Amino acid sequence: MQKRVEVFCEEELGSLDKVVTLDIEQRVVEGNYTDSILAQAKLSNADMIVMGSENTFGHHSQTTRQVIKGAKIPVVAVPTGKAFD
């Protein structure tokens, strides 16, 4: 995941006129998905949550919907199961 984020930033942010610095932190924790994501966001004083919008079966993720509903900060749901040209 970290490599995917690095490649994304290089491709998408590299063409901008001004340098953009992002403070991105990935964490791996155990527990209920929704509760863990929200707790870690609060613990790290995150400004935003970015997560995939589809589960492993390509359906809309229940976890993503629950995080969006319970979050006190912005949540960006990124389509993960689609190929973009």
C-alpha atoms as a PDB file:
ATOM      1  CA  MET A   1       0.000   0.000   0.000  1.00  0.00           C
ATOM      2  CA  GLN A   2       2.803   2.394   0.848  1.00  0.00           C
ATOM      3  CA  LYS A   3       4.409   1.863  -2.563  1.00  0.00           C
ATOM      4  CA  ARG A   4       1.035   2.437  -4.296  1.00  0.00           C
ATOM      5  CA  VAL A   5       0.633   5.741  -2.437  1.00  0.00           C
ATOM      6  CA  GLU A   6       4.176   6.803  -3.372  1.00  0.00           C
ATOM      7  CA  VAL A   7       3.567   6.023  -7.053  1.00  0.00           C
ATOM      8  CA  PHE A   8       0.231   7.871  -6.957  1.00  0.00           C
ATOM      9  CA  CYS A   9       1.832  10.951  -5.423  1.00  0.00           C
ATOM     10  CA  GLU A  10       4.668  10.930  -7.969  1.00  0.00           C
ATOM     11  CA  GLU A  11       2.256  10.590 -10.895  1.00  0.00           C
ATOM     12  CA  GLU A  12      -0.477  12.940  -9.740  1.00  0.00           C
ATOM     13  CA  LEU A  13       1.399  15.576  -7.756  1.00  0.00           C
ATOM     14  CA  GLY A  14       4.638  15.614  -9.761  1.00  0.00           C
ATOM     15  CA  SER A  15       3.143  17.690 -12.564  1.00  0.00           C
ATOM     16  CA  LEU A  16       2.005  20.545 -10.314  1.00  0.00           C
ATOM     17  CA  ASP A  17       3.751  23.910 -10.464  1.00  0.00           C
ATOM     18  CA  LYS A  18       4.303  23.996  -6.725  1.00  0.00           C
ATOM     19  CA  VAL A  19       5.650  21.325  -4.400  1.00  0.00           C
ATOM     20  CA  VAL A  20       3.016  19.573  -2.315  1.00  0.00           C
ATOM     21  CA  THR A  21       4.133  17.803   0.843  1.00  0.00           C
ATOM     22  CA  LEU A  22       1.833  15.186   2.321  1.00  0.00           C
ATOM     23  CA  ASP A  23       2.109  13.623   5.752  1.00  0.00           C
ATOM     24  CA  ILE A  24       0.710  10.149   5.085  1.00  0.00           C
ATOM     25  CA  GLU A  25       0.708   7.493   7.758  1.00  0.00           C
ATOM     26  CA  GLN A  26      -0.400   3.878   7.355  1.00  0.00           C
ATOM     27  CA  ARG A  27      -1.273   1.746  10.362  1.00  0.00           C
ATOM     28  CA  VAL A  28      -2.147  -1.907  10.810  1.00  0.00           C
ATOM     29  CA  VAL A  29      -4.360  -2.700  13.800  1.00  0.00           C
ATOM     30  CA  GLU A  30      -6.655  -5.500  14.916  1.00  0.00           C
ATOM     31  CA  GLY A  31     -10.316  -5.281  15.842  1.00  0.00           C
ATOM     32  CA  ASN A  32     -13.631  -4.294  14.341  1.00  0.00           C
ATOM     33  CA  TYR A  33     -12.831  -2.531  11.068  1.00  0.00           C
ATOM     34  CA  THR A  34     -14.989   0.541  11.546  1.00  0.00           C
ATOM     35  CA  ASP A  35     -14.179   1.032  15.227  1.00  0.00           C
ATOM     36  CA  SER A  36     -10.447   0.535  14.595  1.00  0.00           C
ATOM     37  CA  ILE A  37     -10.318   3.005  11.712  1.00  0.00           C
ATOM     38  CA  LEU A  38     -12.218   5.681  13.632  1.00  0.00           C
ATOM     39  CA  ALA A  39     -10.179   5.118  16.810  1.00  0.00           C
ATOM     40  CA  GLN A  40      -6.857   5.342  14.956  1.00  0.00           C
ATOM     41  CA  ALA A  41      -7.947   8.497  13.143  1.00  0.00           C
ATOM     42  CA  LYS A  42      -8.816  10.084  16.480  1.00  0.00           C
ATOM     43  CA  LEU A  43      -5.649   8.813  18.187  1.00  0.00           C
ATOM     44  CA  SER A  44      -3.418  10.243  15.459  1.00  0.00           C
ATOM     45  CA  ASN A  45      -5.399  13.491  15.228  1.00  0.00           C
ATOM     46  CA  ALA A  46      -5.893  12.829  11.502  1.00  0.00           C
ATOM     47  CA  ASP A  47      -7.195  15.548   9.209  1.00  0.00           C
ATOM     48  CA  MET A  48      -8.769  13.098   6.765  1.00  0.00           C
ATOM     49  CA  ILE A  49      -9.437   9.396   6.201  1.00  0.00           C
ATOM     50  CA  VAL A  50      -8.812   7.967   2.732  1.00  0.00           C
ATOM     51  CA  MET A  51     -10.076   4.460   2.050  1.00  0.00           C
ATOM     52  CA  GLY A  52     -11.249   2.183  -0.724  1.00  0.00           C
ATOM     53  CA  SER A  53     -14.925   2.168  -1.631  1.00  0.00           C
ATOM     54  CA  GLU A  54     -15.228  -1.479  -2.707  1.00  0.00           C
ATOM     55  CA  ASN A  55     -14.703  -4.699  -0.812  1.00  0.00           C
ATOM     56  CA  THR A  56     -12.798  -7.718  -2.151  1.00  0.00           C
ATOM     57  CA  PHE A  57     -15.894  -8.843  -4.072  1.00  0.00           C
ATOM     58  CA  GLY A  58     -16.209  -5.526  -5.932  1.00  0.00           C
ATOM     59  CA  HIS A  59     -19.312  -4.468  -4.004  1.00  0.00           C
ATOM     60  CA  HIS A  60     -19.721  -1.206  -2.116  1.00  0.00           C
ATOM     61  CA  SER A  61     -18.005  -1.599   1.221  1.00  0.00           C
ATOM     62  CA  GLN A  62     -20.177  -1.631   4.330  1.00  0.00           C
ATOM     63  CA  THR A  63     -17.129  -0.629   6.351  1.00  0.00           C
ATOM     64  CA  THR A  64     -16.596   2.463   4.197  1.00  0.00           C
ATOM     65  CA  ARG A  65     -20.244   3.468   4.619  1.00  0.00           C
ATOM     66  CA  GLN A  66     -19.995   3.021   8.395  1.00  0.00           C
ATOM     67  CA  VAL A  67     -16.757   5.020   8.608  1.00  0.00           C
ATOM     68  CA  ILE A  68     -18.290   7.854   6.571  1.00  0.00           C
ATOM     69  CA  LYS A  69     -21.323   7.847   8.853  1.00  0.00           C
ATOM     70  CA  GLY A  70     -19.296   7.794  12.091  1.00  0.00           C
ATOM     71  CA  ALA A  71     -16.346  10.019  11.210  1.00  0.00           C
ATOM     72  CA  LYS A  72     -15.935  13.495  12.622  1.00  0.00           C
ATOM     73  CA  ILE A  73     -13.439  14.362   9.871  1.00  0.00           C
ATOM     74  CA  PRO A  74     -13.686  14.178   6.051  1.00  0.00           C
ATOM     75  CA  VAL A  75     -13.587  10.701   4.489  1.00  0.00           C
ATOM     76  CA  VAL A  76     -12.506  10.224   0.883  1.00  0.00           C
ATOM     77  CA  ALA A  77     -13.786   6.960  -0.619  1.00  0.00           C
ATOM     78  CA  VAL A  78     -11.593   5.958  -3.564  1.00  0.00           C
ATOM     79  CA  PRO A  79     -12.892   3.453  -6.141  1.00  0.00           C
ATOM     80  CA  THR A  80     -10.487   0.521  -5.879  1.00  0.00           C
ATOM     81  CA  GLY A  81     -11.998  -2.148  -8.085  1.00  0.00           C
ATOM     82  CA  LYS A  82     -12.121  -0.252 -11.358  1.00  0.00           C
ATOM     83  CA  ALA A  83      -9.509   0.134 -14.057  1.00  0.00           C
ATOM     84  CA  PHE A  84      -8.983   3.719 -15.181  1.00  0.00           C
ATOM     85  CA  ASP A  85      -7.324   4.532 -18.483  1.00  0.00           C
END
